[in-house]
Protein backbone atom coordinates (compact mmCIF):
# COMPACT_ATOMS: atom_id res chain seq x y z
CA UNK A 1 0.00 0.00 0.00
CA UNK A 2 3.07 2.27 0.45
CA UNK A 3 1.47 4.00 3.42
CA UNK A 4 2.70 4.42 7.00
CA UNK A 5 -0.78 3.53 8.27
CA UNK A 6 -1.69 -0.19 7.99
CA UNK A 7 -4.25 -0.69 5.21
CA UNK A 8 -7.00 -1.90 7.55
CA UNK A 9 -6.90 1.46 9.36
CA UNK A 10 -7.00 3.70 6.27
CA UNK A 11 -10.07 5.89 6.09
CA UNK A 12 -12.69 5.06 3.49
CA UNK A 13 -15.64 7.42 3.21
CA UNK A 14 -15.28 8.69 6.76
CA UNK A 15 -14.54 5.37 8.49
CA UNK A 16 -11.51 3.05 8.73
CA UNK A 17 -11.67 0.06 6.38
CA UNK A 18 -11.78 -2.39 9.28
CA UNK A 19 -14.82 -0.72 10.80
CA UNK A 20 -16.70 -1.09 7.51
CA UNK A 21 -15.90 -4.82 7.65
CA UNK A 22 -17.12 -5.30 11.22
CA UNK A 23 -20.22 -3.27 10.37
CA UNK A 24 -21.02 -5.66 7.49
CA UNK A 25 -21.11 -8.67 9.83
CA UNK A 26 -23.06 -6.78 12.48
CA UNK A 27 -25.62 -5.70 9.85
CA UNK A 28 -26.07 -9.35 8.89
CA UNK A 29 -26.74 -10.36 12.50
CA UNK A 30 -26.40 -8.39 15.69
CA UNK A 31 -25.92 -11.63 17.63
CA UNK A 32 -22.63 -12.57 15.93
CA UNK A 33 -19.65 -12.57 18.32
CA UNK A 34 -16.85 -10.72 16.56
CA UNK A 35 -13.25 -11.63 17.41
CA UNK A 36 -10.86 -9.08 15.94
CA UNK A 37 -7.31 -10.41 15.59
CA UNK A 38 -4.70 -7.64 15.46
CA UNK A 39 -0.94 -7.31 15.99
CA UNK A 40 -0.43 -6.33 19.60
CA UNK A 41 1.44 -3.19 18.57
CA UNK A 42 -1.78 -2.01 16.88
CA UNK A 43 -3.95 -2.34 19.98
CA UNK A 44 -3.48 1.26 21.15
CA UNK A 45 -4.07 2.64 17.65
CA UNK A 46 -7.26 0.62 17.32
CA UNK A 47 -8.51 1.87 20.69
CA UNK A 48 -7.81 5.45 19.60
CA UNK A 49 -9.82 4.88 16.42
CA UNK A 50 -12.70 3.31 18.37
CA UNK A 51 -12.86 6.44 20.52
CA UNK A 52 -12.37 8.85 17.61
CA UNK A 53 -15.16 7.34 15.49
CA UNK A 54 -17.40 6.47 18.46
CA UNK A 55 -17.47 2.87 17.23
CA UNK A 56 -20.08 0.93 19.23
CA UNK A 57 -20.21 -2.52 17.63
CA UNK A 58 -19.27 -5.09 20.33
CA UNK A 59 -16.11 -7.06 19.60
CA UNK A 60 -13.21 -8.76 21.35
CA UNK A 61 -9.63 -7.90 20.39
CA UNK A 62 -7.19 -10.81 20.27
CA UNK A 63 -3.42 -10.67 19.66
CA UNK A 64 -2.30 -12.06 16.32
CA UNK A 65 0.83 -13.97 15.39
CA UNK A 66 3.68 -13.62 12.92
CA UNK A 67 1.69 -15.43 10.20
CA UNK A 68 -1.95 -15.62 9.15
CA UNK A 69 -2.07 -19.22 10.38
CA UNK A 70 -0.86 -18.26 13.84
CA UNK A 71 -3.32 -15.38 13.99
CA UNK A 72 -6.31 -17.57 13.16
CA UNK A 73 -5.17 -20.16 15.69
CA UNK A 74 -5.06 -17.46 18.37
CA UNK A 75 -8.57 -16.31 17.49
CA UNK A 76 -9.94 -19.85 17.67
CA UNK A 77 -9.11 -19.97 21.39
CA UNK A 78 -12.27 -17.90 21.89
CA UNK A 79 -14.47 -20.17 19.75
CA UNK A 80 -16.75 -22.94 21.06
CA UNK A 81 -17.09 -26.33 19.36
CA UNK A 82 -20.77 -25.78 18.57
CA UNK A 83 -20.14 -22.41 16.89
CA UNK A 84 -20.23 -21.70 13.19
CA UNK A 85 -16.96 -19.84 12.61
CA UNK A 86 -16.57 -17.34 9.78
CA UNK A 87 -12.95 -16.41 9.11
CA UNK A 88 -12.75 -13.21 7.10
CA UNK A 89 -10.11 -10.80 5.80
CA UNK A 90 -10.35 -7.49 7.63
CA UNK A 91 -9.69 -5.64 4.37
CA UNK A 92 -12.76 -7.07 2.60
CA UNK A 93 -15.26 -4.44 3.80
CA UNK A 94 -17.98 -5.05 1.19
CA UNK A 95 -19.05 -8.59 2.03
CA UNK A 96 -22.80 -8.69 1.43
CA UNK A 97 -25.61 -10.21 3.44
CA UNK A 98 -26.32 -12.55 0.52
CA UNK A 99 -22.76 -13.93 0.59
CA UNK A 100 -22.93 -14.35 4.35
CA UNK A 101 -26.25 -16.20 4.13
CA UNK A 102 -24.85 -18.63 1.54
CA UNK A 103 -21.65 -19.16 3.56
CA UNK A 104 -23.32 -19.76 6.93
CA UNK A 105 -26.04 -21.98 5.49
CA UNK A 106 -23.51 -23.93 3.46
CA UNK A 107 -21.35 -24.57 6.51
CA UNK A 108 -24.37 -25.67 8.52
CA UNK A 109 -25.23 -28.20 5.84
CA UNK A 110 -21.77 -29.40 4.79
CA UNK A 111 -19.43 -28.55 7.67
CA UNK A 112 -17.66 -25.86 5.67
CA UNK A 113 -18.46 -23.26 3.02
CA UNK A 114 -15.89 -21.26 1.08
CA UNK A 115 -16.84 -18.17 -0.92
CA UNK A 116 -15.56 -18.28 -4.50
CA UNK A 117 -16.12 -16.61 -7.87
CA UNK A 118 -15.47 -17.60 -11.48
CA UNK A 119 -12.42 -16.30 -13.32
CA UNK A 120 -13.16 -13.56 -15.82
CA UNK A 121 -9.80 -13.62 -17.61
CA UNK A 122 -8.02 -16.30 -19.59
CA UNK A 123 -5.18 -17.94 -17.69
CA UNK A 124 -2.03 -19.88 -18.56
CA UNK A 125 -0.06 -22.42 -16.55
CA UNK A 126 3.67 -21.65 -16.33
CA UNK A 127 6.11 -24.49 -15.62
CA UNK A 128 9.54 -24.33 -13.98
CA UNK A 129 11.26 -23.70 -17.30
CA UNK A 130 9.10 -20.65 -17.97
CA UNK A 131 7.02 -22.27 -20.67
CA UNK A 132 3.29 -21.65 -20.54
CA UNK A 133 0.19 -23.36 -21.81
CA UNK A 134 -3.46 -22.43 -21.91
CA UNK A 135 -5.78 -24.03 -19.37
CA UNK A 136 -9.56 -24.16 -19.14
CA UNK A 137 -10.54 -21.34 -16.81
CA UNK A 138 -13.96 -22.90 -16.18
CA UNK A 139 -12.20 -25.51 -14.02
CA UNK A 140 -10.79 -22.88 -11.65
CA UNK A 141 -12.22 -20.52 -9.04
CA UNK A 142 -10.95 -17.41 -7.26
CA UNK A 143 -11.21 -17.99 -3.52
CA UNK A 144 -12.51 -15.25 -1.22
CA UNK A 145 -13.53 -14.94 2.39
CA UNK A 146 -15.57 -15.50 4.46
CA UNK A 147 -14.64 -19.13 4.89
CA UNK A 148 -17.11 -20.65 7.34
CA UNK A 149 -16.63 -23.87 9.31
CA UNK A 150 -18.27 -25.80 12.08
CA UNK A 151 -16.26 -25.09 15.21
CA UNK A 152 -15.32 -28.70 15.80
CA UNK A 153 -13.90 -29.02 12.29
CA UNK A 154 -11.78 -25.88 12.14
CA UNK A 155 -10.48 -26.35 15.70
CA UNK A 156 -9.54 -29.94 14.86
CA UNK A 157 -7.72 -28.73 11.75
CA UNK A 158 -5.65 -26.20 13.67
CA UNK A 159 -4.98 -28.49 16.62
CA UNK A 160 -3.55 -31.02 14.13
CA UNK A 161 -0.64 -28.69 13.42
CA UNK A 162 2.43 -29.78 15.39
CA UNK A 163 4.47 -27.10 13.62
CA UNK A 164 2.74 -23.87 12.64
CA UNK A 165 2.87 -23.87 8.86
CA UNK A 166 1.78 -20.93 6.77
CA UNK A 167 -1.48 -21.42 4.85
CA UNK A 168 -2.93 -18.72 2.61
CA UNK A 169 -6.44 -19.82 3.49
CA UNK A 170 -8.16 -22.03 6.04
CA UNK A 171 -9.79 -24.34 3.52
CA UNK A 172 -6.33 -25.60 2.52
CA UNK A 173 -5.68 -26.72 6.09
CA UNK A 174 -9.07 -28.45 6.40
CA UNK A 175 -8.51 -30.10 3.03
CA UNK A 176 -5.14 -31.37 4.23
CA UNK A 177 -7.01 -33.34 6.90
CA UNK A 178 -8.92 -35.15 4.16
CA UNK A 179 -12.20 -33.22 4.21
CA UNK A 180 -13.98 -32.16 1.02
CA UNK A 181 -14.31 -28.41 0.53
CA UNK A 182 -17.75 -26.98 -0.29
CA UNK A 183 -17.75 -23.85 -2.46
CA UNK A 184 -20.53 -21.25 -2.38
CA UNK A 185 -21.08 -18.30 -4.67
CA UNK A 186 -19.07 -15.23 -3.67
CA UNK A 187 -19.35 -11.73 -5.09
CA UNK A 188 -17.00 -9.70 -7.29
CA UNK A 189 -17.75 -6.64 -5.17
CA UNK A 190 -16.25 -8.46 -2.17
CA UNK A 191 -13.01 -6.61 -2.88
CA UNK A 192 -9.81 -7.23 -0.94
CA UNK A 193 -8.08 -3.88 -0.47
CA UNK A 194 -4.35 -4.39 -0.91
CA UNK A 195 -3.19 -1.60 -3.26
CA UNK A 196 -3.79 2.09 -3.86
CA UNK A 197 -5.83 1.14 -6.93
CA UNK A 198 -8.08 -0.98 -4.72
CA UNK A 199 -8.78 2.06 -2.53
CA UNK A 200 -9.91 4.00 -5.59
CA UNK A 201 -12.20 1.13 -6.61
CA UNK A 202 -13.53 0.87 -3.06
CA UNK A 203 -14.30 4.58 -2.92
CA UNK A 204 -16.10 4.34 -6.27
CA UNK A 205 -18.13 1.39 -5.02
CA UNK A 206 -19.23 3.32 -1.93
CA UNK A 207 -20.18 6.32 -4.04
CA UNK A 208 -22.42 4.08 -6.19
CA UNK A 209 -24.04 2.66 -3.07
C-alpha atoms as a PDB file:
ATOM      1  CA  UNK A   1       0.000   0.000   0.000  1.00  0.00           C
ATOM      2  CA  UNK A   2       3.071   2.266   0.454  1.00  0.00           C
ATOM      3  CA  UNK A   3       1.474   3.997   3.421  1.00  0.00           C
ATOM      4  CA  UNK A   4       2.703   4.420   6.997  1.00  0.00           C
ATOM      5  CA  UNK A   5      -0.783   3.527   8.267  1.00  0.00           C
ATOM      6  CA  UNK A   6      -1.693  -0.191   7.992  1.00  0.00           C
ATOM      7  CA  UNK A   7      -4.250  -0.688   5.212  1.00  0.00           C
ATOM      8  CA  UNK A   8      -7.002  -1.902   7.546  1.00  0.00           C
ATOM      9  CA  UNK A   9      -6.903   1.458   9.357  1.00  0.00           C
ATOM     10  CA  UNK A  10      -6.998   3.704   6.272  1.00  0.00           C
ATOM     11  CA  UNK A  11     -10.074   5.888   6.088  1.00  0.00           C
ATOM     12  CA  UNK A  12     -12.686   5.063   3.494  1.00  0.00           C
ATOM     13  CA  UNK A  13     -15.644   7.423   3.211  1.00  0.00           C
ATOM     14  CA  UNK A  14     -15.278   8.690   6.764  1.00  0.00           C
ATOM     15  CA  UNK A  15     -14.537   5.369   8.489  1.00  0.00           C
ATOM     16  CA  UNK A  16     -11.510   3.047   8.727  1.00  0.00           C
ATOM     17  CA  UNK A  17     -11.666   0.063   6.378  1.00  0.00           C
ATOM     18  CA  UNK A  18     -11.777  -2.388   9.277  1.00  0.00           C
ATOM     19  CA  UNK A  19     -14.820  -0.724  10.801  1.00  0.00           C
ATOM     20  CA  UNK A  20     -16.698  -1.093   7.510  1.00  0.00           C
ATOM     21  CA  UNK A  21     -15.895  -4.817   7.653  1.00  0.00           C
ATOM     22  CA  UNK A  22     -17.116  -5.295  11.215  1.00  0.00           C
ATOM     23  CA  UNK A  23     -20.221  -3.271  10.371  1.00  0.00           C
ATOM     24  CA  UNK A  24     -21.023  -5.664   7.493  1.00  0.00           C
ATOM     25  CA  UNK A  25     -21.112  -8.670   9.834  1.00  0.00           C
ATOM     26  CA  UNK A  26     -23.061  -6.776  12.479  1.00  0.00           C
ATOM     27  CA  UNK A  27     -25.618  -5.700   9.852  1.00  0.00           C
ATOM     28  CA  UNK A  28     -26.070  -9.347   8.890  1.00  0.00           C
ATOM     29  CA  UNK A  29     -26.737 -10.358  12.499  1.00  0.00           C
ATOM     30  CA  UNK A  30     -26.403  -8.392  15.694  1.00  0.00           C
ATOM     31  CA  UNK A  31     -25.923 -11.634  17.632  1.00  0.00           C
ATOM     32  CA  UNK A  32     -22.626 -12.568  15.932  1.00  0.00           C
ATOM     33  CA  UNK A  33     -19.655 -12.570  18.320  1.00  0.00           C
ATOM     34  CA  UNK A  34     -16.850 -10.717  16.563  1.00  0.00           C
ATOM     35  CA  UNK A  35     -13.254 -11.634  17.413  1.00  0.00           C
ATOM     36  CA  UNK A  36     -10.862  -9.083  15.944  1.00  0.00           C
ATOM     37  CA  UNK A  37      -7.307 -10.410  15.590  1.00  0.00           C
ATOM     38  CA  UNK A  38      -4.698  -7.638  15.455  1.00  0.00           C
ATOM     39  CA  UNK A  39      -0.944  -7.307  15.990  1.00  0.00           C
ATOM     40  CA  UNK A  40      -0.425  -6.326  19.605  1.00  0.00           C
ATOM     41  CA  UNK A  41       1.439  -3.185  18.575  1.00  0.00           C
ATOM     42  CA  UNK A  42      -1.777  -2.007  16.879  1.00  0.00           C
ATOM     43  CA  UNK A  43      -3.955  -2.342  19.984  1.00  0.00           C
ATOM     44  CA  UNK A  44      -3.483   1.257  21.147  1.00  0.00           C
ATOM     45  CA  UNK A  45      -4.071   2.642  17.647  1.00  0.00           C
ATOM     46  CA  UNK A  46      -7.259   0.621  17.324  1.00  0.00           C
ATOM     47  CA  UNK A  47      -8.512   1.875  20.685  1.00  0.00           C
ATOM     48  CA  UNK A  48      -7.808   5.455  19.603  1.00  0.00           C
ATOM     49  CA  UNK A  49      -9.816   4.881  16.422  1.00  0.00           C
ATOM     50  CA  UNK A  50     -12.696   3.309  18.374  1.00  0.00           C
ATOM     51  CA  UNK A  51     -12.863   6.438  20.518  1.00  0.00           C
ATOM     52  CA  UNK A  52     -12.369   8.851  17.611  1.00  0.00           C
ATOM     53  CA  UNK A  53     -15.158   7.344  15.492  1.00  0.00           C
ATOM     54  CA  UNK A  54     -17.398   6.465  18.459  1.00  0.00           C
ATOM     55  CA  UNK A  55     -17.472   2.870  17.231  1.00  0.00           C
ATOM     56  CA  UNK A  56     -20.078   0.927  19.234  1.00  0.00           C
ATOM     57  CA  UNK A  57     -20.206  -2.522  17.628  1.00  0.00           C
ATOM     58  CA  UNK A  58     -19.271  -5.091  20.325  1.00  0.00           C
ATOM     59  CA  UNK A  59     -16.110  -7.060  19.597  1.00  0.00           C
ATOM     60  CA  UNK A  60     -13.211  -8.765  21.352  1.00  0.00           C
ATOM     61  CA  UNK A  61      -9.632  -7.897  20.392  1.00  0.00           C
ATOM     62  CA  UNK A  62      -7.194 -10.806  20.269  1.00  0.00           C
ATOM     63  CA  UNK A  63      -3.416 -10.671  19.661  1.00  0.00           C
ATOM     64  CA  UNK A  64      -2.303 -12.057  16.317  1.00  0.00           C
ATOM     65  CA  UNK A  65       0.829 -13.973  15.395  1.00  0.00           C
ATOM     66  CA  UNK A  66       3.678 -13.619  12.925  1.00  0.00           C
ATOM     67  CA  UNK A  67       1.691 -15.428  10.202  1.00  0.00           C
ATOM     68  CA  UNK A  68      -1.949 -15.624   9.151  1.00  0.00           C
ATOM     69  CA  UNK A  69      -2.067 -19.221  10.381  1.00  0.00           C
ATOM     70  CA  UNK A  70      -0.858 -18.262  13.837  1.00  0.00           C
ATOM     71  CA  UNK A  71      -3.317 -15.375  13.994  1.00  0.00           C
ATOM     72  CA  UNK A  72      -6.312 -17.574  13.158  1.00  0.00           C
ATOM     73  CA  UNK A  73      -5.174 -20.161  15.690  1.00  0.00           C
ATOM     74  CA  UNK A  74      -5.059 -17.461  18.373  1.00  0.00           C
ATOM     75  CA  UNK A  75      -8.569 -16.314  17.490  1.00  0.00           C
ATOM     76  CA  UNK A  76      -9.936 -19.853  17.674  1.00  0.00           C
ATOM     77  CA  UNK A  77      -9.108 -19.967  21.390  1.00  0.00           C
ATOM     78  CA  UNK A  78     -12.269 -17.903  21.888  1.00  0.00           C
ATOM     79  CA  UNK A  79     -14.473 -20.173  19.754  1.00  0.00           C
ATOM     80  CA  UNK A  80     -16.749 -22.935  21.064  1.00  0.00           C
ATOM     81  CA  UNK A  81     -17.087 -26.326  19.364  1.00  0.00           C
ATOM     82  CA  UNK A  82     -20.765 -25.780  18.570  1.00  0.00           C
ATOM     83  CA  UNK A  83     -20.143 -22.413  16.889  1.00  0.00           C
ATOM     84  CA  UNK A  84     -20.225 -21.697  13.191  1.00  0.00           C
ATOM     85  CA  UNK A  85     -16.960 -19.835  12.615  1.00  0.00           C
ATOM     86  CA  UNK A  86     -16.572 -17.339   9.782  1.00  0.00           C
ATOM     87  CA  UNK A  87     -12.947 -16.414   9.110  1.00  0.00           C
ATOM     88  CA  UNK A  88     -12.748 -13.209   7.097  1.00  0.00           C
ATOM     89  CA  UNK A  89     -10.110 -10.802   5.803  1.00  0.00           C
ATOM     90  CA  UNK A  90     -10.347  -7.493   7.627  1.00  0.00           C
ATOM     91  CA  UNK A  91      -9.688  -5.643   4.369  1.00  0.00           C
ATOM     92  CA  UNK A  92     -12.765  -7.069   2.604  1.00  0.00           C
ATOM     93  CA  UNK A  93     -15.257  -4.443   3.799  1.00  0.00           C
ATOM     94  CA  UNK A  94     -17.976  -5.046   1.193  1.00  0.00           C
ATOM     95  CA  UNK A  95     -19.052  -8.593   2.025  1.00  0.00           C
ATOM     96  CA  UNK A  96     -22.795  -8.689   1.428  1.00  0.00           C
ATOM     97  CA  UNK A  97     -25.613 -10.215   3.436  1.00  0.00           C
ATOM     98  CA  UNK A  98     -26.321 -12.550   0.519  1.00  0.00           C
ATOM     99  CA  UNK A  99     -22.760 -13.926   0.587  1.00  0.00           C
ATOM    100  CA  UNK A 100     -22.929 -14.353   4.351  1.00  0.00           C
ATOM    101  CA  UNK A 101     -26.249 -16.203   4.127  1.00  0.00           C
ATOM    102  CA  UNK A 102     -24.849 -18.629   1.545  1.00  0.00           C
ATOM    103  CA  UNK A 103     -21.654 -19.159   3.558  1.00  0.00           C
ATOM    104  CA  UNK A 104     -23.322 -19.762   6.930  1.00  0.00           C
ATOM    105  CA  UNK A 105     -26.044 -21.979   5.493  1.00  0.00           C
ATOM    106  CA  UNK A 106     -23.505 -23.930   3.457  1.00  0.00           C
ATOM    107  CA  UNK A 107     -21.349 -24.573   6.511  1.00  0.00           C
ATOM    108  CA  UNK A 108     -24.375 -25.667   8.521  1.00  0.00           C
ATOM    109  CA  UNK A 109     -25.235 -28.202   5.845  1.00  0.00           C
ATOM    110  CA  UNK A 110     -21.772 -29.401   4.791  1.00  0.00           C
ATOM    111  CA  UNK A 111     -19.428 -28.554   7.674  1.00  0.00           C
ATOM    112  CA  UNK A 112     -17.663 -25.862   5.668  1.00  0.00           C
ATOM    113  CA  UNK A 113     -18.463 -23.260   3.024  1.00  0.00           C
ATOM    114  CA  UNK A 114     -15.890 -21.263   1.079  1.00  0.00           C
ATOM    115  CA  UNK A 115     -16.839 -18.175  -0.919  1.00  0.00           C
ATOM    116  CA  UNK A 116     -15.561 -18.275  -4.500  1.00  0.00           C
ATOM    117  CA  UNK A 117     -16.121 -16.608  -7.873  1.00  0.00           C
ATOM    118  CA  UNK A 118     -15.468 -17.604 -11.479  1.00  0.00           C
ATOM    119  CA  UNK A 119     -12.418 -16.302 -13.321  1.00  0.00           C
ATOM    120  CA  UNK A 120     -13.164 -13.562 -15.821  1.00  0.00           C
ATOM    121  CA  UNK A 121      -9.798 -13.617 -17.606  1.00  0.00           C
ATOM    122  CA  UNK A 122      -8.025 -16.303 -19.586  1.00  0.00           C
ATOM    123  CA  UNK A 123      -5.175 -17.941 -17.687  1.00  0.00           C
ATOM    124  CA  UNK A 124      -2.033 -19.879 -18.562  1.00  0.00           C
ATOM    125  CA  UNK A 125      -0.055 -22.418 -16.551  1.00  0.00           C
ATOM    126  CA  UNK A 126       3.666 -21.645 -16.335  1.00  0.00           C
ATOM    127  CA  UNK A 127       6.105 -24.488 -15.617  1.00  0.00           C
ATOM    128  CA  UNK A 128       9.538 -24.327 -13.982  1.00  0.00           C
ATOM    129  CA  UNK A 129      11.262 -23.699 -17.299  1.00  0.00           C
ATOM    130  CA  UNK A 130       9.095 -20.648 -17.968  1.00  0.00           C
ATOM    131  CA  UNK A 131       7.019 -22.274 -20.674  1.00  0.00           C
ATOM    132  CA  UNK A 132       3.292 -21.653 -20.538  1.00  0.00           C
ATOM    133  CA  UNK A 133       0.193 -23.358 -21.807  1.00  0.00           C
ATOM    134  CA  UNK A 134      -3.465 -22.427 -21.914  1.00  0.00           C
ATOM    135  CA  UNK A 135      -5.784 -24.028 -19.368  1.00  0.00           C
ATOM    136  CA  UNK A 136      -9.555 -24.162 -19.139  1.00  0.00           C
ATOM    137  CA  UNK A 137     -10.538 -21.337 -16.812  1.00  0.00           C
ATOM    138  CA  UNK A 138     -13.959 -22.897 -16.182  1.00  0.00           C
ATOM    139  CA  UNK A 139     -12.204 -25.508 -14.019  1.00  0.00           C
ATOM    140  CA  UNK A 140     -10.789 -22.878 -11.649  1.00  0.00           C
ATOM    141  CA  UNK A 141     -12.219 -20.516  -9.035  1.00  0.00           C
ATOM    142  CA  UNK A 142     -10.948 -17.410  -7.256  1.00  0.00           C
ATOM    143  CA  UNK A 143     -11.210 -17.987  -3.519  1.00  0.00           C
ATOM    144  CA  UNK A 144     -12.509 -15.247  -1.223  1.00  0.00           C
ATOM    145  CA  UNK A 145     -13.532 -14.939   2.386  1.00  0.00           C
ATOM    146  CA  UNK A 146     -15.572 -15.501   4.457  1.00  0.00           C
ATOM    147  CA  UNK A 147     -14.643 -19.130   4.887  1.00  0.00           C
ATOM    148  CA  UNK A 148     -17.108 -20.651   7.336  1.00  0.00           C
ATOM    149  CA  UNK A 149     -16.631 -23.866   9.308  1.00  0.00           C
ATOM    150  CA  UNK A 150     -18.271 -25.795  12.084  1.00  0.00           C
ATOM    151  CA  UNK A 151     -16.258 -25.086  15.207  1.00  0.00           C
ATOM    152  CA  UNK A 152     -15.325 -28.702  15.799  1.00  0.00           C
ATOM    153  CA  UNK A 153     -13.901 -29.023  12.286  1.00  0.00           C
ATOM    154  CA  UNK A 154     -11.783 -25.878  12.140  1.00  0.00           C
ATOM    155  CA  UNK A 155     -10.479 -26.351  15.695  1.00  0.00           C
ATOM    156  CA  UNK A 156      -9.537 -29.939  14.858  1.00  0.00           C
ATOM    157  CA  UNK A 157      -7.721 -28.732  11.754  1.00  0.00           C
ATOM    158  CA  UNK A 158      -5.654 -26.200  13.668  1.00  0.00           C
ATOM    159  CA  UNK A 159      -4.975 -28.493  16.618  1.00  0.00           C
ATOM    160  CA  UNK A 160      -3.550 -31.020  14.135  1.00  0.00           C
ATOM    161  CA  UNK A 161      -0.639 -28.691  13.416  1.00  0.00           C
ATOM    162  CA  UNK A 162       2.427 -29.779  15.394  1.00  0.00           C
ATOM    163  CA  UNK A 163       4.466 -27.104  13.623  1.00  0.00           C
ATOM    164  CA  UNK A 164       2.742 -23.874  12.643  1.00  0.00           C
ATOM    165  CA  UNK A 165       2.872 -23.874   8.864  1.00  0.00           C
ATOM    166  CA  UNK A 166       1.776 -20.931   6.765  1.00  0.00           C
ATOM    167  CA  UNK A 167      -1.478 -21.424   4.854  1.00  0.00           C
ATOM    168  CA  UNK A 168      -2.925 -18.717   2.613  1.00  0.00           C
ATOM    169  CA  UNK A 169      -6.440 -19.821   3.493  1.00  0.00           C
ATOM    170  CA  UNK A 170      -8.163 -22.031   6.045  1.00  0.00           C
ATOM    171  CA  UNK A 171      -9.786 -24.337   3.518  1.00  0.00           C
ATOM    172  CA  UNK A 172      -6.330 -25.599   2.524  1.00  0.00           C
ATOM    173  CA  UNK A 173      -5.684 -26.719   6.091  1.00  0.00           C
ATOM    174  CA  UNK A 174      -9.070 -28.445   6.399  1.00  0.00           C
ATOM    175  CA  UNK A 175      -8.513 -30.102   3.028  1.00  0.00           C
ATOM    176  CA  UNK A 176      -5.142 -31.372   4.230  1.00  0.00           C
ATOM    177  CA  UNK A 177      -7.011 -33.343   6.905  1.00  0.00           C
ATOM    178  CA  UNK A 178      -8.916 -35.153   4.164  1.00  0.00           C
ATOM    179  CA  UNK A 179     -12.204 -33.219   4.209  1.00  0.00           C
ATOM    180  CA  UNK A 180     -13.984 -32.159   1.018  1.00  0.00           C
ATOM    181  CA  UNK A 181     -14.307 -28.405   0.532  1.00  0.00           C
ATOM    182  CA  UNK A 182     -17.750 -26.984  -0.285  1.00  0.00           C
ATOM    183  CA  UNK A 183     -17.748 -23.850  -2.462  1.00  0.00           C
ATOM    184  CA  UNK A 184     -20.529 -21.253  -2.382  1.00  0.00           C
ATOM    185  CA  UNK A 185     -21.076 -18.296  -4.671  1.00  0.00           C
ATOM    186  CA  UNK A 186     -19.074 -15.232  -3.672  1.00  0.00           C
ATOM    187  CA  UNK A 187     -19.345 -11.734  -5.087  1.00  0.00           C
ATOM    188  CA  UNK A 188     -16.996  -9.698  -7.293  1.00  0.00           C
ATOM    189  CA  UNK A 189     -17.751  -6.639  -5.174  1.00  0.00           C
ATOM    190  CA  UNK A 190     -16.249  -8.455  -2.168  1.00  0.00           C
ATOM    191  CA  UNK A 191     -13.013  -6.605  -2.882  1.00  0.00           C
ATOM    192  CA  UNK A 192      -9.809  -7.230  -0.939  1.00  0.00           C
ATOM    193  CA  UNK A 193      -8.077  -3.883  -0.468  1.00  0.00           C
ATOM    194  CA  UNK A 194      -4.348  -4.386  -0.910  1.00  0.00           C
ATOM    195  CA  UNK A 195      -3.188  -1.596  -3.263  1.00  0.00           C
ATOM    196  CA  UNK A 196      -3.795   2.092  -3.860  1.00  0.00           C
ATOM    197  CA  UNK A 197      -5.827   1.142  -6.935  1.00  0.00           C
ATOM    198  CA  UNK A 198      -8.083  -0.979  -4.720  1.00  0.00           C
ATOM    199  CA  UNK A 199      -8.776   2.056  -2.526  1.00  0.00           C
ATOM    200  CA  UNK A 200      -9.907   3.996  -5.593  1.00  0.00           C
ATOM    201  CA  UNK A 201     -12.202   1.134  -6.612  1.00  0.00           C
ATOM    202  CA  UNK A 202     -13.533   0.872  -3.056  1.00  0.00           C
ATOM    203  CA  UNK A 203     -14.298   4.579  -2.920  1.00  0.00           C
ATOM    204  CA  UNK A 204     -16.097   4.342  -6.274  1.00  0.00           C
ATOM    205  CA  UNK A 205     -18.131   1.389  -5.018  1.00  0.00           C
ATOM    206  CA  UNK A 206     -19.230   3.322  -1.927  1.00  0.00           C
ATOM    207  CA  UNK A 207     -20.177   6.315  -4.044  1.00  0.00           C
ATOM    208  CA  UNK A 208     -22.425   4.083  -6.191  1.00  0.00           C
ATOM    209  CA  UNK A 209     -24.041   2.657  -3.067  1.00  0.00           C
END
